[in-house]
């Protein structure tokens, strides 16, 4: 008989799990705080400049707060795994709400009902968000993957989508101010809406390769249904 196979841990130790839970709580709190401030500034600046793009960006921040609040609620108790499905439902609905709003406002802008106008405050806000959001998203995604929390990873995708919207807003306002290409913002936003629908469907179904120890399994053991075929199970220690 051959030598016994070594035991492989399929999840973090209780001590490590406790650290990861605290990290997720911290990242979620930071996301909520930043997005509340972002929403107030964006909506106020949007009204001052009559900019649908800025107002929409502010509403997206409110949706992001709802998504992060669902994860905060999930991790507010010791038995956070039992709340996973409910948190994923809220996150999925927030994706769908964002996609619906962005789609409607983009179509209205393209047919000429509203056009993004120049706003210095909007440009600064979009640039700051473009720098801050990727950091929060990546940090929460790493913790969520190691912890095995699909909701934490889904919320990090919501934050990443906010990054894309920041880029769209920045490009749209800048191009409109420089060249008068008013259609650039709503056209790009429609692509973001399509991505939001995709992410929302995945969150609703609970598609994730975030089960503890998924990164330790062989490629043959990672079914397509788990979403692991895209390489997201690779352990990220960066």
Protein backbone atom coordinates (compact mmCIF):
# COMPACT_ATOMS: atom_id res chain seq x y z
CA UNK A 1 0.00 0.00 0.00
CA UNK A 2 1.19 3.48 -0.78
CA UNK A 3 1.83 6.20 1.70
CA UNK A 4 -1.33 7.95 2.98
CA UNK A 5 -2.21 11.14 1.22
CA UNK A 6 -1.56 14.30 3.24
CA UNK A 7 -4.61 16.05 4.60
CA UNK A 8 -5.46 19.26 2.77
CA UNK A 9 -7.37 22.01 4.51
CA UNK A 10 -10.38 23.16 2.49
CA UNK A 11 -10.83 26.41 4.34
CA UNK A 12 -9.21 28.97 6.63
CA UNK A 13 -8.58 28.14 10.25
CA UNK A 14 -10.99 29.60 12.85
CA UNK A 15 -8.42 32.26 13.76
CA UNK A 16 -7.87 33.20 10.11
CA UNK A 17 -11.62 33.14 9.51
CA UNK A 18 -12.11 35.64 12.32
CA UNK A 19 -9.50 37.95 10.77
CA UNK A 20 -11.16 37.72 7.36
CA UNK A 21 -14.61 38.47 8.77
CA UNK A 22 -13.23 41.59 10.45
CA UNK A 23 -11.62 42.64 7.18
CA UNK A 24 -14.85 42.22 5.25
CA UNK A 25 -16.69 44.28 7.85
CA UNK A 26 -14.04 47.01 7.59
CA UNK A 27 -14.12 47.09 3.78
CA UNK A 28 -17.91 47.18 3.75
CA UNK A 29 -17.97 50.03 6.27
CA UNK A 30 -15.46 51.97 4.17
CA UNK A 31 -17.50 51.34 1.02
CA UNK A 32 -20.72 52.54 2.64
CA UNK A 33 -19.08 55.68 4.07
CA UNK A 34 -17.42 56.63 0.80
CA UNK A 35 -20.53 56.02 -1.28
CA UNK A 36 -22.76 58.10 0.98
CA UNK A 37 -20.37 61.06 0.58
CA UNK A 38 -20.08 60.35 -3.15
CA UNK A 39 -23.86 60.26 -3.59
CA UNK A 40 -24.37 63.62 -1.84
CA UNK A 41 -21.67 65.33 -3.91
CA UNK A 42 -22.68 63.77 -7.23
CA UNK A 43 -26.41 64.48 -6.94
CA UNK A 44 -25.79 68.03 -5.73
CA UNK A 45 -23.30 68.73 -8.52
CA UNK A 46 -25.60 67.06 -11.05
CA UNK A 47 -28.48 69.33 -10.14
CA UNK A 48 -26.26 72.40 -10.32
CA UNK A 49 -25.01 71.44 -13.79
CA UNK A 50 -28.30 69.86 -14.98
CA UNK A 51 -26.27 66.73 -15.63
CA UNK A 52 -28.19 63.47 -15.89
CA UNK A 53 -24.90 61.57 -15.92
CA UNK A 54 -23.83 62.98 -12.56
CA UNK A 55 -27.23 62.42 -10.96
CA UNK A 56 -27.24 58.87 -12.25
CA UNK A 57 -23.76 58.36 -10.81
CA UNK A 58 -25.02 59.56 -7.44
CA UNK A 59 -27.96 57.16 -7.56
CA UNK A 60 -25.54 54.36 -8.40
CA UNK A 61 -23.70 55.23 -5.19
CA UNK A 62 -26.95 54.79 -3.26
CA UNK A 63 -27.45 51.38 -4.86
CA UNK A 64 -23.89 50.47 -3.90
CA UNK A 65 -24.70 51.44 -0.31
CA UNK A 66 -27.68 49.06 -0.38
CA UNK A 67 -25.47 46.25 -1.66
CA UNK A 68 -22.77 46.86 0.94
CA UNK A 69 -25.40 47.18 3.68
CA UNK A 70 -26.65 43.68 2.80
CA UNK A 71 -23.17 42.27 3.34
CA UNK A 72 -22.79 44.30 6.56
CA UNK A 73 -26.04 42.77 7.81
CA UNK A 74 -24.86 39.30 6.83
CA UNK A 75 -21.61 39.61 8.78
CA UNK A 76 -23.17 41.39 11.77
CA UNK A 77 -23.87 38.04 13.43
CA UNK A 78 -21.72 34.99 14.15
CA UNK A 79 -23.65 32.67 11.80
CA UNK A 80 -23.03 34.70 8.67
CA UNK A 81 -23.19 31.69 6.32
CA UNK A 82 -26.94 31.24 6.92
CA UNK A 83 -27.55 34.79 5.69
CA UNK A 84 -25.56 34.32 2.48
CA UNK A 85 -28.52 33.64 0.18
CA UNK A 86 -30.55 36.63 1.39
CA UNK A 87 -27.55 38.94 0.99
CA UNK A 88 -26.96 37.65 -2.55
CA UNK A 89 -30.59 38.37 -3.44
CA UNK A 90 -30.26 41.99 -2.31
CA UNK A 91 -27.00 42.39 -4.23
CA UNK A 92 -28.55 40.87 -7.37
CA UNK A 93 -31.53 43.23 -7.17
CA UNK A 94 -29.18 46.19 -6.75
CA UNK A 95 -27.39 45.15 -9.96
CA UNK A 96 -30.72 44.92 -11.80
CA UNK A 97 -31.87 48.28 -10.45
CA UNK A 98 -28.63 49.89 -11.56
CA UNK A 99 -28.89 48.34 -15.03
CA UNK A 100 -32.49 49.49 -15.42
CA UNK A 101 -31.77 53.07 -14.39
CA UNK A 102 -28.61 53.39 -16.47
CA UNK A 103 -30.38 51.93 -19.52
CA UNK A 104 -33.37 54.27 -19.30
CA UNK A 105 -31.27 57.36 -18.71
CA UNK A 106 -28.81 56.41 -21.47
CA UNK A 107 -31.59 55.96 -24.02
CA UNK A 108 -33.15 59.29 -22.97
CA UNK A 109 -29.77 60.97 -23.40
CA UNK A 110 -29.19 59.39 -26.81
CA UNK A 111 -32.56 60.57 -28.13
CA UNK A 112 -31.74 64.08 -26.97
CA UNK A 113 -33.87 64.46 -23.85
CA UNK A 114 -30.88 65.07 -21.59
CA UNK A 115 -27.18 65.64 -22.19
CA UNK A 116 -24.29 65.61 -19.76
CA UNK A 117 -22.92 69.10 -19.18
CA UNK A 118 -19.52 70.30 -18.00
CA UNK A 119 -18.94 70.06 -14.26
CA UNK A 120 -15.56 70.60 -12.63
CA UNK A 121 -16.80 69.01 -9.41
CA UNK A 122 -18.04 66.02 -11.39
CA UNK A 123 -14.70 65.56 -13.11
CA UNK A 124 -12.82 65.67 -9.80
CA UNK A 125 -15.28 63.28 -8.13
CA UNK A 126 -15.06 60.78 -10.99
CA UNK A 127 -11.25 60.89 -10.91
CA UNK A 128 -11.11 60.32 -7.14
CA UNK A 129 -13.60 57.43 -7.36
CA UNK A 130 -11.59 55.91 -10.19
CA UNK A 131 -8.60 55.79 -7.83
CA UNK A 132 -10.36 54.67 -4.63
CA UNK A 133 -12.91 52.09 -5.81
CA UNK A 134 -10.51 49.57 -7.41
CA UNK A 135 -8.53 49.37 -4.16
CA UNK A 136 -11.64 48.69 -2.05
CA UNK A 137 -12.96 46.19 -4.59
CA UNK A 138 -9.72 44.20 -4.83
CA UNK A 139 -9.22 44.09 -1.06
CA UNK A 140 -12.75 42.87 -0.37
CA UNK A 141 -12.61 40.37 -3.23
CA UNK A 142 -9.42 38.78 -1.85
CA UNK A 143 -10.90 38.48 1.64
CA UNK A 144 -14.20 37.17 0.30
CA UNK A 145 -12.55 34.49 -1.83
CA UNK A 146 -10.38 33.24 1.00
CA UNK A 147 -13.33 33.26 3.38
CA UNK A 148 -15.55 31.48 0.85
CA UNK A 149 -18.24 34.18 0.85
CA UNK A 150 -20.05 34.56 -2.47
CA UNK A 151 -21.87 37.67 -1.20
CA UNK A 152 -18.63 39.46 -0.25
CA UNK A 153 -17.23 38.71 -3.72
CA UNK A 154 -20.49 39.79 -5.39
CA UNK A 155 -20.44 43.07 -3.48
CA UNK A 156 -16.82 43.63 -4.54
CA UNK A 157 -18.03 43.26 -8.14
CA UNK A 158 -20.65 45.92 -7.46
CA UNK A 159 -17.85 48.19 -6.26
CA UNK A 160 -15.82 47.34 -9.35
CA UNK A 161 -18.81 48.23 -11.52
CA UNK A 162 -18.87 51.59 -9.75
CA UNK A 163 -15.26 51.96 -10.89
CA UNK A 164 -16.31 51.39 -14.49
CA UNK A 165 -19.08 53.95 -14.11
CA UNK A 166 -16.53 56.41 -12.71
CA UNK A 167 -14.43 55.91 -15.82
CA UNK A 168 -17.49 56.32 -18.05
CA UNK A 169 -18.52 59.49 -16.23
CA UNK A 170 -15.01 60.93 -16.36
CA UNK A 171 -14.63 60.16 -20.07
CA UNK A 172 -18.12 61.36 -20.89
CA UNK A 173 -17.79 64.68 -19.08
CA UNK A 174 -14.26 65.26 -20.40
CA UNK A 175 -15.04 64.38 -24.02
CA UNK A 176 -18.23 66.42 -23.91
CA UNK A 177 -16.36 69.43 -22.52
CA UNK A 178 -13.47 69.13 -25.00
CA UNK A 179 -15.17 67.97 -28.20
CA UNK A 180 -18.90 68.20 -27.63
CA UNK A 181 -19.33 64.43 -28.10
CA UNK A 182 -22.37 64.23 -25.84
CA UNK A 183 -23.28 60.71 -26.97
CA UNK A 184 -20.07 59.12 -25.62
CA UNK A 185 -21.32 58.88 -22.02
CA UNK A 186 -24.71 57.21 -22.64
CA UNK A 187 -23.29 54.86 -25.29
CA UNK A 188 -20.62 53.54 -22.92
CA UNK A 189 -23.09 53.43 -20.03
CA UNK A 190 -25.26 50.98 -21.99
CA UNK A 191 -22.32 48.56 -22.03
CA UNK A 192 -22.01 48.95 -18.27
CA UNK A 193 -25.74 48.18 -17.94
CA UNK A 194 -25.25 44.92 -19.84
CA UNK A 195 -22.41 43.96 -17.50
CA UNK A 196 -24.60 44.79 -14.50
CA UNK A 197 -27.31 42.42 -15.75
CA UNK A 198 -24.74 39.64 -16.14
CA UNK A 199 -23.36 40.17 -12.64
CA UNK A 200 -26.87 40.38 -11.22
CA UNK A 201 -27.83 37.04 -12.75
CA UNK A 202 -24.71 35.41 -11.32
CA UNK A 203 -25.39 36.85 -7.87
CA UNK A 204 -29.04 35.71 -7.99
CA UNK A 205 -28.02 32.16 -8.91
CA UNK A 206 -25.18 32.21 -6.40
CA UNK A 207 -22.63 31.36 -9.09
CA UNK A 208 -19.26 31.52 -7.41
CA UNK A 209 -16.04 29.59 -7.02
CA UNK A 210 -15.76 30.96 -3.51
CA UNK A 211 -16.26 27.79 -1.53
CA UNK A 212 -13.42 27.46 1.00
CA UNK A 213 -10.57 25.54 -0.54
CA UNK A 214 -11.80 25.94 -4.11
CA UNK A 215 -8.40 27.26 -5.09
CA UNK A 216 -6.85 23.96 -3.90
CA UNK A 217 -8.96 21.76 -6.15
CA UNK A 218 -7.80 20.44 -9.49
CA UNK A 219 -9.22 22.02 -12.68
CA UNK A 220 -11.12 18.78 -13.35
CA UNK A 221 -13.00 19.19 -10.06
CA UNK A 222 -14.11 22.74 -10.83
CA UNK A 223 -17.43 22.47 -12.60
CA UNK A 224 -18.64 25.09 -15.01
CA UNK A 225 -21.60 25.74 -12.75
CA UNK A 226 -19.29 27.03 -10.06
CA UNK A 227 -17.89 29.66 -12.34
CA UNK A 228 -14.36 28.47 -11.72
CA UNK A 229 -13.45 28.08 -15.34
CA UNK A 230 -12.56 31.75 -15.60
CA UNK A 231 -9.63 31.44 -13.23
CA UNK A 232 -11.26 33.28 -10.35
CA UNK A 233 -10.34 30.47 -7.98
CA UNK A 234 -6.68 31.29 -8.21
CA UNK A 235 -5.44 32.36 -4.82
CA UNK A 236 -4.56 36.05 -4.87
CA UNK A 237 -1.81 36.92 -2.47
CA UNK A 238 -0.86 40.18 -4.06
